C-alpha cells in the first residue's frame, strides 16, 4: 500500500499472520445494510463515513485489496476498542516493510449512517501506519461477510446482497461484461482474477493505479511518482503505454499501465481504480465468483 490510501490500503496490508482461507457458510438470515454513497478523493481513494462502536463519523477508505479492516490508534481510543490479545502482529505494504499492528475486538461497524450496521467485523487491526487524514481502511470482503457486495464505481455506491438468494451465476454474463472465478491466496480472501496472459491480478480499489506490475528496468525512473506505503517503504511508479488485457469474456482496451519499483519480490499484479473505474463489480464470496459489468453514470445530483 502506498501512503496515500494507496499506502494504507492497496492489498498491501497483507497480514504476516493470516487466518482461514475459506468463507464461513451463511447460516441464519442476516440483516442486509442499505446502500451507501462514497466519494472518490484523489490520493485517498474511495471514502465512506464510518462509525465504530457507535462513535463517529470517521473517514474510511474502501479497499478490496486490504485483507483486513484497519483502524488508526486515534479511532481505537475514541471508540474505546480493546485489544483481542496483547500479542502484536504486523502488516506490510508494497515494499514488504512491516509495521506493528494489534488484533482488536469491535462491537459494531456502520457505514453511511450510525445505524446502518455491517453484518461482520472480520479481521480488524489497529495500526499506526495510516495517513493522518484517513481514519481507517474498510475491507468489504471482511466487513460484509458472509454477504456479497457490489461496488458500483460510476455511481459511487456500495451495497450488499445475500448470495444464497441472489447469486452471481456463470451462465448470466452481463452485456459487455464477464463473470469470472474469484481466485484467492492460500491463507486469505482477497479477490484475484485470472488475466488472459496467465497472471493472477488483485482487484484493488485501494490503489489509484491501472494495471500495475513490477518494473523490470533498473535504471530509468523518468516521471516516476513516489509515495510511502503503509509499512514506511518508499515506492515509485511510472505510467507507460496503455495495455489491452482480457478477464474472461471481457476485453479491456487502453488500460493505463503503471510500472512499480521498490516493491517486494512477491507483490501481485494489481488492477486499481484507473482500470476499474468504468465498472460495476459484484463480489459473491459464497460461490467465489465476480461479475464485472459496465456501470451507468447517474448524473442526477452529481
C-alpha atoms as a PDB file:
ATOM      1  CA  UNK A   1       0.000   0.000   0.000  1.00  0.00           C
ATOM      2  CA  UNK A   2       1.095   3.384  -0.716  1.00  0.00           C
ATOM      3  CA  UNK A   3       0.918   6.179   1.739  1.00  0.00           C
ATOM      4  CA  UNK A   4      -1.918   7.921   0.141  1.00  0.00           C
ATOM      5  CA  UNK A   5      -4.543   5.362   0.827  1.00  0.00           C
ATOM      6  CA  UNK A   6      -2.660   3.622  -1.750  1.00  0.00           C
ATOM      7  CA  UNK A   7      -0.391   3.114   1.125  1.00  0.00           C
ATOM      8  CA  UNK A   8      -2.886   2.241   3.657  1.00  0.00           C
ATOM      9  CA  UNK A   9      -4.977   0.133   1.536  1.00  0.00           C
ATOM     10  CA  UNK A  10      -3.927  -1.397  -1.659  1.00  0.00           C
ATOM     11  CA  UNK A  11      -3.790  -5.073  -0.988  1.00  0.00           C
ATOM     12  CA  UNK A  12      -0.602  -4.270   0.560  1.00  0.00           C
ATOM     13  CA  UNK A  13      -1.989  -4.751   4.004  1.00  0.00           C
ATOM     14  CA  UNK A  14      -1.266  -8.406   3.611  1.00  0.00           C
ATOM     15  CA  UNK A  15      -1.070  -9.852   7.088  1.00  0.00           C
ATOM     16  CA  UNK A  16       2.093 -11.568   8.133  1.00  0.00           C
ATOM     17  CA  UNK A  17      -0.064 -13.879  10.207  1.00  0.00           C
ATOM     18  CA  UNK A  18      -3.208 -14.761   8.283  1.00  0.00           C
ATOM     19  CA  UNK A  19      -6.256 -16.807   9.072  1.00  0.00           C
ATOM     20  CA  UNK A  20      -8.757 -19.092   7.346  1.00  0.00           C
ATOM     21  CA  UNK A  21      -8.762 -19.333   3.592  1.00  0.00           C
ATOM     22  CA  UNK A  22     -12.416 -20.189   3.133  1.00  0.00           C
ATOM     23  CA  UNK A  23     -15.508 -18.114   3.766  1.00  0.00           C
ATOM     24  CA  UNK A  24     -17.898 -19.171   6.503  1.00  0.00           C
ATOM     25  CA  UNK A  25     -21.095 -20.561   5.069  1.00  0.00           C
ATOM     26  CA  UNK A  26     -24.124 -18.317   5.580  1.00  0.00           C
ATOM     27  CA  UNK A  27     -26.331 -19.696   8.330  1.00  0.00           C
ATOM     28  CA  UNK A  28     -29.199 -17.719   9.817  1.00  0.00           C
ATOM     29  CA  UNK A  29     -30.724 -14.767   7.990  1.00  0.00           C
ATOM     30  CA  UNK A  30     -28.730 -11.574   8.031  1.00  0.00           C
ATOM     31  CA  UNK A  31     -29.905  -8.016   8.024  1.00  0.00           C
ATOM     32  CA  UNK A  32     -28.687  -6.519   4.763  1.00  0.00           C
ATOM     33  CA  UNK A  33     -27.333  -2.997   5.200  1.00  0.00           C
ATOM     34  CA  UNK A  34     -28.757  -0.364   2.886  1.00  0.00           C
ATOM     35  CA  UNK A  35     -26.721   1.043   0.013  1.00  0.00           C
ATOM     36  CA  UNK A  36     -24.408   3.944   0.784  1.00  0.00           C
ATOM     37  CA  UNK A  37     -22.625   6.536  -1.275  1.00  0.00           C
ATOM     38  CA  UNK A  38     -18.901   7.066  -1.175  1.00  0.00           C
ATOM     39  CA  UNK A  39     -16.746   9.808  -2.623  1.00  0.00           C
ATOM     40  CA  UNK A  40     -13.530   9.446  -4.541  1.00  0.00           C
ATOM     41  CA  UNK A  41     -10.724  11.761  -3.470  1.00  0.00           C
ATOM     42  CA  UNK A  42      -7.531  11.980  -5.452  1.00  0.00           C
ATOM     43  CA  UNK A  43      -4.696  10.423  -3.476  1.00  0.00           C
ATOM     44  CA  UNK A  44      -7.013   8.938  -0.839  1.00  0.00           C
ATOM     45  CA  UNK A  45      -9.320   6.643  -2.781  1.00  0.00           C
ATOM     46  CA  UNK A  46     -12.959   5.713  -2.129  1.00  0.00           C
ATOM     47  CA  UNK A  47     -14.011   7.319   1.144  1.00  0.00           C
ATOM     48  CA  UNK A  48     -17.067   6.396   3.193  1.00  0.00           C
ATOM     49  CA  UNK A  49     -18.403   7.705   6.503  1.00  0.00           C
ATOM     50  CA  UNK A  50     -17.953   5.020   9.139  1.00  0.00           C
ATOM     51  CA  UNK A  51     -18.984   4.538  12.758  1.00  0.00           C
ATOM     52  CA  UNK A  52     -17.056   2.244  15.104  1.00  0.00           C
ATOM     53  CA  UNK A  53     -18.822   1.058  18.276  1.00  0.00           C
ATOM     54  CA  UNK A  54     -21.363   3.834  17.684  1.00  0.00           C
ATOM     55  CA  UNK A  55     -18.697   6.529  17.620  1.00  0.00           C
ATOM     56  CA  UNK A  56     -18.081   8.659  14.548  1.00  0.00           C
ATOM     57  CA  UNK A  57     -18.349   9.547  11.805  1.00  0.00           C
ATOM     58  CA  UNK A  58     -14.828   8.655  10.760  1.00  0.00           C
ATOM     59  CA  UNK A  59     -13.392   8.620   7.245  1.00  0.00           C
ATOM     60  CA  UNK A  60     -12.509   5.138   6.000  1.00  0.00           C
ATOM     61  CA  UNK A  61     -11.172   4.144   2.588  1.00  0.00           C
ATOM     62  CA  UNK A  62     -12.898   1.205   0.860  1.00  0.00           C
ATOM     63  CA  UNK A  63     -10.189  -1.239  -0.119  1.00  0.00           C
ATOM     64  CA  UNK A  64     -10.915  -4.630  -1.655  1.00  0.00           C
ATOM     65  CA  UNK A  65      -7.206  -5.430  -1.566  1.00  0.00           C
ATOM     66  CA  UNK A  66      -6.512  -4.780   2.093  1.00  0.00           C
ATOM     67  CA  UNK A  67      -7.077  -8.245   3.569  1.00  0.00           C
ATOM     68  CA  UNK A  68      -8.283  -6.700   6.849  1.00  0.00           C
ATOM     69  CA  UNK A  69     -10.089  -3.663   8.189  1.00  0.00           C
ATOM     70  CA  UNK A  70      -7.512  -1.237   9.581  1.00  0.00           C
ATOM     71  CA  UNK A  71      -8.180   1.339  12.287  1.00  0.00           C
ATOM     72  CA  UNK A  72      -5.987   4.204  13.439  1.00  0.00           C
ATOM     73  CA  UNK A  73      -4.942   4.490  17.058  1.00  0.00           C
ATOM     74  CA  UNK A  74      -6.996   7.689  17.420  1.00  0.00           C
ATOM     75  CA  UNK A  75     -10.184   5.885  16.349  1.00  0.00           C
ATOM     76  CA  UNK A  76      -9.379   2.993  18.668  1.00  0.00           C
ATOM     77  CA  UNK A  77      -9.073   5.400  21.577  1.00  0.00           C
ATOM     78  CA  UNK A  78     -12.242   7.374  20.798  1.00  0.00           C
ATOM     79  CA  UNK A  79     -14.302   4.214  20.152  1.00  0.00           C
ATOM     80  CA  UNK A  80     -12.870   2.507  23.245  1.00  0.00           C
ATOM     81  CA  UNK A  81     -11.704  -0.512  21.331  1.00  0.00           C
ATOM     82  CA  UNK A  82      -9.996  -3.234  23.320  1.00  0.00           C
ATOM     83  CA  UNK A  83      -7.217  -5.470  22.081  1.00  0.00           C
ATOM     84  CA  UNK A  84      -8.158  -9.068  21.429  1.00  0.00           C
ATOM     85  CA  UNK A  85      -4.739 -10.078  22.745  1.00  0.00           C
ATOM     86  CA  UNK A  86      -1.508  -8.414  23.770  1.00  0.00           C
ATOM     87  CA  UNK A  87       0.409 -10.314  21.121  1.00  0.00           C
ATOM     88  CA  UNK A  88       1.380  -7.977  18.278  1.00  0.00           C
ATOM     89  CA  UNK A  89       1.260  -8.896  14.609  1.00  0.00           C
ATOM     90  CA  UNK A  90       2.465  -6.923  11.614  1.00  0.00           C
ATOM     91  CA  UNK A  91       1.205  -5.668   8.281  1.00  0.00           C
ATOM     92  CA  UNK A  92       3.287  -4.761   5.280  1.00  0.00           C
ATOM     93  CA  UNK A  93       2.960  -2.546   2.257  1.00  0.00           C
ATOM     94  CA  UNK A  94       4.088  -2.959  -1.338  1.00  0.00           C
ATOM     95  CA  UNK A  95       7.671  -2.541  -0.244  1.00  0.00           C
ATOM     96  CA  UNK A  96       7.470  -5.507   2.123  1.00  0.00           C
ATOM     97  CA  UNK A  97       8.488  -3.391   5.103  1.00  0.00           C
ATOM     98  CA  UNK A  98       6.394  -4.179   8.187  1.00  0.00           C
ATOM     99  CA  UNK A  99       4.673  -2.043  10.793  1.00  0.00           C
ATOM    100  CA  UNK A 100       3.296  -3.263  14.118  1.00  0.00           C
ATOM    101  CA  UNK A 101      -0.447  -3.860  14.415  1.00  0.00           C
ATOM    102  CA  UNK A 102      -2.759  -5.380  17.023  1.00  0.00           C
ATOM    103  CA  UNK A 103      -5.848  -7.550  16.643  1.00  0.00           C
ATOM    104  CA  UNK A 104      -8.824  -5.853  18.295  1.00  0.00           C
ATOM    105  CA  UNK A 105     -12.408  -6.635  19.233  1.00  0.00           C
ATOM    106  CA  UNK A 106     -15.008  -4.329  17.683  1.00  0.00           C
ATOM    107  CA  UNK A 107     -18.650  -4.414  18.771  1.00  0.00           C
ATOM    108  CA  UNK A 108     -20.058  -2.783  15.648  1.00  0.00           C
ATOM    109  CA  UNK A 109     -19.201  -1.185  12.331  1.00  0.00           C
ATOM    110  CA  UNK A 110     -21.677   1.014  10.462  1.00  0.00           C
ATOM    111  CA  UNK A 111     -21.356   2.941   7.210  1.00  0.00           C
ATOM    112  CA  UNK A 112     -23.350   5.780   5.697  1.00  0.00           C
ATOM    113  CA  UNK A 113     -25.176   6.414   8.956  1.00  0.00           C
ATOM    114  CA  UNK A 114     -24.689   5.357  12.552  1.00  0.00           C
ATOM    115  CA  UNK A 115     -27.348   2.608  12.440  1.00  0.00           C
ATOM    116  CA  UNK A 116     -26.513   1.019   9.095  1.00  0.00           C
ATOM    117  CA  UNK A 117     -24.662  -1.873  10.674  1.00  0.00           C
ATOM    118  CA  UNK A 118     -22.449  -4.252   8.763  1.00  0.00           C
ATOM    119  CA  UNK A 119     -23.013  -7.963   9.420  1.00  0.00           C
ATOM    120  CA  UNK A 120     -19.451  -8.771  10.436  1.00  0.00           C
ATOM    121  CA  UNK A 121     -16.231  -7.221  11.559  1.00  0.00           C
ATOM    122  CA  UNK A 122     -13.902  -9.844  10.143  1.00  0.00           C
ATOM    123  CA  UNK A 123     -10.214  -9.246  10.650  1.00  0.00           C
ATOM    124  CA  UNK A 124      -9.737  -5.866  12.386  1.00  0.00           C
ATOM    125  CA  UNK A 125      -6.336  -4.399  13.221  1.00  0.00           C
ATOM    126  CA  UNK A 126      -5.192  -1.187  14.874  1.00  0.00           C
ATOM    127  CA  UNK A 127      -2.095   0.285  13.281  1.00  0.00           C
ATOM    128  CA  UNK A 128      -0.110   3.495  13.209  1.00  0.00           C
ATOM    129  CA  UNK A 129       0.713   3.201   9.507  1.00  0.00           C
ATOM    130  CA  UNK A 130      -2.266   5.136   8.089  1.00  0.00           C
ATOM    131  CA  UNK A 131      -2.114   8.639   6.576  1.00  0.00           C
ATOM    132  CA  UNK A 132      -3.060  11.365   9.048  1.00  0.00           C
ATOM    133  CA  UNK A 133      -6.226  12.359   7.161  1.00  0.00           C
ATOM    134  CA  UNK A 134      -7.622   8.817   6.858  1.00  0.00           C
ATOM    135  CA  UNK A 135      -9.110   7.206   9.972  1.00  0.00           C
ATOM    136  CA  UNK A 136      -9.231   3.659   8.712  1.00  0.00           C
ATOM    137  CA  UNK A 137      -9.486   1.200   5.841  1.00  0.00           C
ATOM    138  CA  UNK A 138     -12.637  -0.843   5.290  1.00  0.00           C
ATOM    139  CA  UNK A 139     -12.205  -4.210   3.592  1.00  0.00           C
ATOM    140  CA  UNK A 140     -15.747  -5.025   2.348  1.00  0.00           C
ATOM    141  CA  UNK A 141     -14.973  -8.728   1.965  1.00  0.00           C
ATOM    142  CA  UNK A 142     -14.261  -8.894   5.691  1.00  0.00           C
ATOM    143  CA  UNK A 143     -16.877  -6.419   6.917  1.00  0.00           C
ATOM    144  CA  UNK A 144     -19.768  -7.700   4.754  1.00  0.00           C
ATOM    145  CA  UNK A 145     -19.138 -11.415   5.364  1.00  0.00           C
ATOM    146  CA  UNK A 146     -20.980 -13.690   4.721  1.00  0.00           C
ATOM    147  CA  UNK A 147     -22.912 -11.358   2.404  1.00  0.00           C
ATOM    148  CA  UNK A 148     -21.839 -10.463  -1.091  1.00  0.00           C
ATOM    149  CA  UNK A 149     -21.291  -6.855  -2.036  1.00  0.00           C
ATOM    150  CA  UNK A 150     -21.451  -4.545  -5.031  1.00  0.00           C
ATOM    151  CA  UNK A 151     -19.109  -1.676  -5.781  1.00  0.00           C
ATOM    152  CA  UNK A 152     -20.743   0.484  -8.431  1.00  0.00           C
ATOM    153  CA  UNK A 153     -17.819   2.740  -9.226  1.00  0.00           C
ATOM    154  CA  UNK A 154     -19.510   5.092 -11.748  1.00  0.00           C
ATOM    155  CA  UNK A 155     -22.390   5.725  -9.317  1.00  0.00           C
ATOM    156  CA  UNK A 156     -20.114   5.851  -6.245  1.00  0.00           C
ATOM    157  CA  UNK A 157     -22.281   3.316  -4.425  1.00  0.00           C
ATOM    158  CA  UNK A 158     -21.554   0.361  -2.133  1.00  0.00           C
ATOM    159  CA  UNK A 159     -24.314  -2.172  -1.456  1.00  0.00           C
ATOM    160  CA  UNK A 160     -24.740  -5.726  -0.145  1.00  0.00           C
ATOM    161  CA  UNK A 161     -26.713  -8.805  -1.203  1.00  0.00           C
ATOM    162  CA  UNK A 162     -27.432 -12.299   0.068  1.00  0.00           C
ATOM    163  CA  UNK A 163     -25.693 -14.699  -2.313  1.00  0.00           C
ATOM    164  CA  UNK A 164     -27.926 -17.578  -1.204  1.00  0.00           C
ATOM    165  CA  UNK A 165     -30.956 -15.899  -2.768  1.00  0.00           C
ATOM    166  CA  UNK A 166     -29.382 -13.786  -5.479  1.00  0.00           C
ATOM    167  CA  UNK A 167     -26.099 -15.416  -6.535  1.00  0.00           C
ATOM    168  CA  UNK A 168     -23.694 -14.424  -9.241  1.00  0.00           C
ATOM    169  CA  UNK A 169     -24.223 -17.073 -11.912  1.00  0.00           C
ATOM    170  CA  UNK A 170     -21.719 -18.182 -14.568  1.00  0.00           C
ATOM    171  CA  UNK A 171     -24.495 -18.516 -17.151  1.00  0.00           C
ATOM    172  CA  UNK A 172     -25.717 -14.954 -16.692  1.00  0.00           C
ATOM    173  CA  UNK A 173     -22.896 -12.922 -18.178  1.00  0.00           C
ATOM    174  CA  UNK A 174     -23.793  -9.220 -18.390  1.00  0.00           C
ATOM    175  CA  UNK A 175     -23.657  -7.496 -21.760  1.00  0.00           C
ATOM    176  CA  UNK A 176     -20.119  -6.250 -22.452  1.00  0.00           C
ATOM    177  CA  UNK A 177     -19.028  -7.782 -19.151  1.00  0.00           C
ATOM    178  CA  UNK A 178     -17.863 -11.038 -17.613  1.00  0.00           C
ATOM    179  CA  UNK A 179     -18.410 -13.491 -14.773  1.00  0.00           C
ATOM    180  CA  UNK A 180     -15.102 -14.895 -13.577  1.00  0.00           C
ATOM    181  CA  UNK A 181     -13.743 -17.061 -10.801  1.00  0.00           C
ATOM    182  CA  UNK A 182     -12.809 -15.329  -7.545  1.00  0.00           C
ATOM    183  CA  UNK A 183      -9.307 -16.668  -7.017  1.00  0.00           C
ATOM    184  CA  UNK A 184      -7.763 -16.498  -3.559  1.00  0.00           C
ATOM    185  CA  UNK A 185      -4.474 -16.800  -1.791  1.00  0.00           C
ATOM    186  CA  UNK A 186      -3.724 -19.849   0.307  1.00  0.00           C
ATOM    187  CA  UNK A 187      -4.493 -18.012   3.547  1.00  0.00           C
ATOM    188  CA  UNK A 188      -6.658 -15.071   2.555  1.00  0.00           C
ATOM    189  CA  UNK A 189      -9.844 -13.908   0.867  1.00  0.00           C
ATOM    190  CA  UNK A 190      -8.659 -11.004  -1.262  1.00  0.00           C
ATOM    191  CA  UNK A 191     -10.227 -11.031  -4.772  1.00  0.00           C
ATOM    192  CA  UNK A 192      -7.890 -12.147  -7.544  1.00  0.00           C
ATOM    193  CA  UNK A 193      -8.871 -12.814 -11.159  1.00  0.00           C
ATOM    194  CA  UNK A 194      -7.041 -14.585 -13.966  1.00  0.00           C
ATOM    195  CA  UNK A 195      -5.872 -12.453 -16.887  1.00  0.00           C
ATOM    196  CA  UNK A 196      -5.586 -13.819 -20.409  1.00  0.00           C
ATOM    197  CA  UNK A 197      -1.777 -13.824 -20.157  1.00  0.00           C
ATOM    198  CA  UNK A 198      -1.910 -16.203 -17.185  1.00  0.00           C
ATOM    199  CA  UNK A 199      -1.231 -13.583 -14.497  1.00  0.00           C
ATOM    200  CA  UNK A 200      -3.336 -13.512 -11.351  1.00  0.00           C
ATOM    201  CA  UNK A 201      -4.371  -9.902 -10.717  1.00  0.00           C
ATOM    202  CA  UNK A 202      -5.704  -8.446  -7.474  1.00  0.00           C
ATOM    203  CA  UNK A 203      -8.801  -6.255  -7.871  1.00  0.00           C
ATOM    204  CA  UNK A 204      -7.615  -3.437  -5.666  1.00  0.00           C
ATOM    205  CA  UNK A 205      -9.820  -0.408  -5.047  1.00  0.00           C
ATOM    206  CA  UNK A 206      -7.236   0.886  -2.588  1.00  0.00           C
ATOM    207  CA  UNK A 207      -4.868   1.654  -5.459  1.00  0.00           C
ATOM    208  CA  UNK A 208      -5.203   4.606  -7.833  1.00  0.00           C
ATOM    209  CA  UNK A 209      -3.097   2.824 -10.455  1.00  0.00           C
ATOM    210  CA  UNK A 210      -4.344   0.966 -13.532  1.00  0.00           C
ATOM    211  CA  UNK A 211      -2.651  -2.302 -14.405  1.00  0.00           C
ATOM    212  CA  UNK A 212       0.304  -2.248 -12.008  1.00  0.00           C
ATOM    213  CA  UNK A 213       3.241  -4.589 -12.463  1.00  0.00           C
ATOM    214  CA  UNK A 214       6.812  -4.697 -11.226  1.00  0.00           C
ATOM    215  CA  UNK A 215       9.195  -2.512 -13.198  1.00  0.00           C
ATOM    216  CA  UNK A 216      11.715  -4.736 -14.994  1.00  0.00           C
ATOM    217  CA  UNK A 217      14.045  -1.773 -15.616  1.00  0.00           C
ATOM    218  CA  UNK A 218      16.765  -0.885 -13.146  1.00  0.00           C
ATOM    219  CA  UNK A 219      17.884   2.481 -14.447  1.00  0.00           C
ATOM    220  CA  UNK A 220      15.312   4.808 -15.970  1.00  0.00           C
ATOM    221  CA  UNK A 221      12.935   6.363 -13.432  1.00  0.00           C
ATOM    222  CA  UNK A 222      11.720   9.226 -15.628  1.00  0.00           C
ATOM    223  CA  UNK A 223       8.482  10.846 -14.443  1.00  0.00           C
ATOM    224  CA  UNK A 224       8.252   8.464 -11.505  1.00  0.00           C
ATOM    225  CA  UNK A 225       5.682   9.180  -8.810  1.00  0.00           C
ATOM    226  CA  UNK A 226       6.989   8.308  -5.362  1.00  0.00           C
ATOM    227  CA  UNK A 227       4.961   7.704  -2.198  1.00  0.00           C
ATOM    228  CA  UNK A 228       5.454   5.982   1.127  1.00  0.00           C
ATOM    229  CA  UNK A 229       3.495   2.790   1.792  1.00  0.00           C
ATOM    230  CA  UNK A 230       1.786   1.653   4.993  1.00  0.00           C
ATOM    231  CA  UNK A 231       4.961  -0.065   6.177  1.00  0.00           C
ATOM    232  CA  UNK A 232       7.054   3.063   5.624  1.00  0.00           C
ATOM    233  CA  UNK A 233       8.810   1.863   2.461  1.00  0.00           C
ATOM    234  CA  UNK A 234       9.215   4.278  -0.452  1.00  0.00           C
ATOM    235  CA  UNK A 235       7.517   3.055  -3.643  1.00  0.00           C
ATOM    236  CA  UNK A 236       7.816   4.601  -7.109  1.00  0.00           C
ATOM    237  CA  UNK A 237       5.518   4.165 -10.086  1.00  0.00           C
ATOM    238  CA  UNK A 238       5.688   5.451 -13.641  1.00  0.00           C
ATOM    239  CA  UNK A 239       2.922   5.461 -16.237  1.00  0.00           C
ATOM    240  CA  UNK A 240       3.818   3.819 -19.530  1.00  0.00           C
ATOM    241  CA  UNK A 241       1.888   2.992 -22.694  1.00  0.00           C
ATOM    242  CA  UNK A 242      -1.606   1.587 -22.345  1.00  0.00           C
ATOM    243  CA  UNK A 243      -2.310  -2.137 -22.488  1.00  0.00           C
ATOM    244  CA  UNK A 244      -5.091  -4.393 -23.747  1.00  0.00           C
ATOM    245  CA  UNK A 245      -5.993  -7.233 -21.381  1.00  0.00           C
ATOM    246  CA  UNK A 246      -8.844  -9.711 -21.079  1.00  0.00           C
ATOM    247  CA  UNK A 247     -10.610 -11.031 -17.981  1.00  0.00           C
ATOM    248  CA  UNK A 248     -12.773 -13.937 -19.071  1.00  0.00           C
ATOM    249  CA  UNK A 249     -15.070 -12.691 -21.838  1.00  0.00           C
ATOM    250  CA  UNK A 250     -14.308  -9.026 -21.060  1.00  0.00           C
ATOM    251  CA  UNK A 251     -11.599  -7.230 -23.033  1.00  0.00           C
ATOM    252  CA  UNK A 252     -10.209  -4.025 -21.543  1.00  0.00           C
ATOM    253  CA  UNK A 253      -8.569  -1.739 -24.074  1.00  0.00           C
ATOM    254  CA  UNK A 254      -6.201   1.141 -23.457  1.00  0.00           C
ATOM    255  CA  UNK A 255      -5.778   0.260 -19.784  1.00  0.00           C
ATOM    256  CA  UNK A 256      -3.470   2.736 -18.014  1.00  0.00           C
ATOM    257  CA  UNK A 257      -0.353   0.772 -17.120  1.00  0.00           C
ATOM    258  CA  UNK A 258       1.991   1.538 -14.241  1.00  0.00           C
ATOM    259  CA  UNK A 259       5.419   0.083 -13.558  1.00  0.00           C
ATOM    260  CA  UNK A 260       6.257  -0.002  -9.846  1.00  0.00           C
ATOM    261  CA  UNK A 261       9.727  -0.113  -8.313  1.00  0.00           C
ATOM    262  CA  UNK A 262      10.809  -0.601  -4.736  1.00  0.00           C
ATOM    263  CA  UNK A 263       8.145  -3.284  -4.268  1.00  0.00           C
ATOM    264  CA  UNK A 264       8.646  -6.623  -2.555  1.00  0.00           C
ATOM    265  CA  UNK A 265       9.502  -9.581  -4.770  1.00  0.00           C
ATOM    266  CA  UNK A 266       6.136 -11.252  -4.138  1.00  0.00           C
ATOM    267  CA  UNK A 267       3.929  -8.218  -4.854  1.00  0.00           C
ATOM    268  CA  UNK A 268       0.999  -9.296  -7.065  1.00  0.00           C
ATOM    269  CA  UNK A 269      -0.170  -7.756 -10.301  1.00  0.00           C
ATOM    270  CA  UNK A 270      -2.770  -5.123  -9.402  1.00  0.00           C
ATOM    271  CA  UNK A 271      -5.841  -3.797 -11.172  1.00  0.00           C
ATOM    272  CA  UNK A 272      -6.534  -0.475  -9.488  1.00  0.00           C
ATOM    273  CA  UNK A 273      -9.092   2.281  -9.869  1.00  0.00           C
ATOM    274  CA  UNK A 274      -7.677   3.663 -13.120  1.00  0.00           C
ATOM    275  CA  UNK A 275      -8.617   0.327 -14.717  1.00  0.00           C
ATOM    276  CA  UNK A 276     -11.757  -0.498 -12.716  1.00  0.00           C
ATOM    277  CA  UNK A 277     -13.457   2.914 -12.615  1.00  0.00           C
ATOM    278  CA  UNK A 278     -15.921   2.260 -15.514  1.00  0.00           C
ATOM    279  CA  UNK A 279     -17.323  -0.895 -13.919  1.00  0.00           C
ATOM    280  CA  UNK A 280     -19.887  -2.231 -11.515  1.00  0.00           C
ATOM    281  CA  UNK A 281     -18.232  -5.047  -9.557  1.00  0.00           C
ATOM    282  CA  UNK A 282     -20.345  -7.716  -7.872  1.00  0.00           C
ATOM    283  CA  UNK A 283     -18.491  -9.999  -5.449  1.00  0.00           C
ATOM    284  CA  UNK A 284     -20.083 -13.325  -4.459  1.00  0.00           C
ATOM    285  CA  UNK A 285     -17.980 -14.918  -1.668  1.00  0.00           C
ATOM    286  CA  UNK A 286     -20.279 -17.931  -1.316  1.00  0.00           C
ATOM    287  CA  UNK A 287     -19.878 -19.150  -4.894  1.00  0.00           C
ATOM    288  CA  UNK A 288     -16.487 -17.485  -5.355  1.00  0.00           C
ATOM    289  CA  UNK A 289     -17.497 -15.576  -8.454  1.00  0.00           C
ATOM    290  CA  UNK A 290     -17.108 -11.955  -9.524  1.00  0.00           C
ATOM    291  CA  UNK A 291     -19.347 -10.180 -12.009  1.00  0.00           C
ATOM    292  CA  UNK A 292     -17.788  -7.279 -13.900  1.00  0.00           C
ATOM    293  CA  UNK A 293     -20.283  -5.148 -15.805  1.00  0.00           C
ATOM    294  CA  UNK A 294     -20.168  -1.692 -17.387  1.00  0.00           C
ATOM    295  CA  UNK A 295     -21.584   0.819 -14.953  1.00  0.00           C
ATOM    296  CA  UNK A 296     -24.078   3.563 -15.742  1.00  0.00           C
ATOM    297  CA  UNK A 297     -23.291   7.047 -14.516  1.00  0.00           C
ATOM    298  CA  UNK A 298     -26.235   8.589 -12.693  1.00  0.00           C
ATOM    299  CA  UNK A 299     -25.793  12.275 -13.357  1.00  0.00           C
ATOM    300  CA  UNK A 300     -28.759  13.359 -11.218  1.00  0.00           C
ATOM    301  CA  UNK A 301     -27.445  15.178  -8.192  1.00  0.00           C
ATOM    302  CA  UNK A 302     -23.813  14.710  -9.269  1.00  0.00           C
END
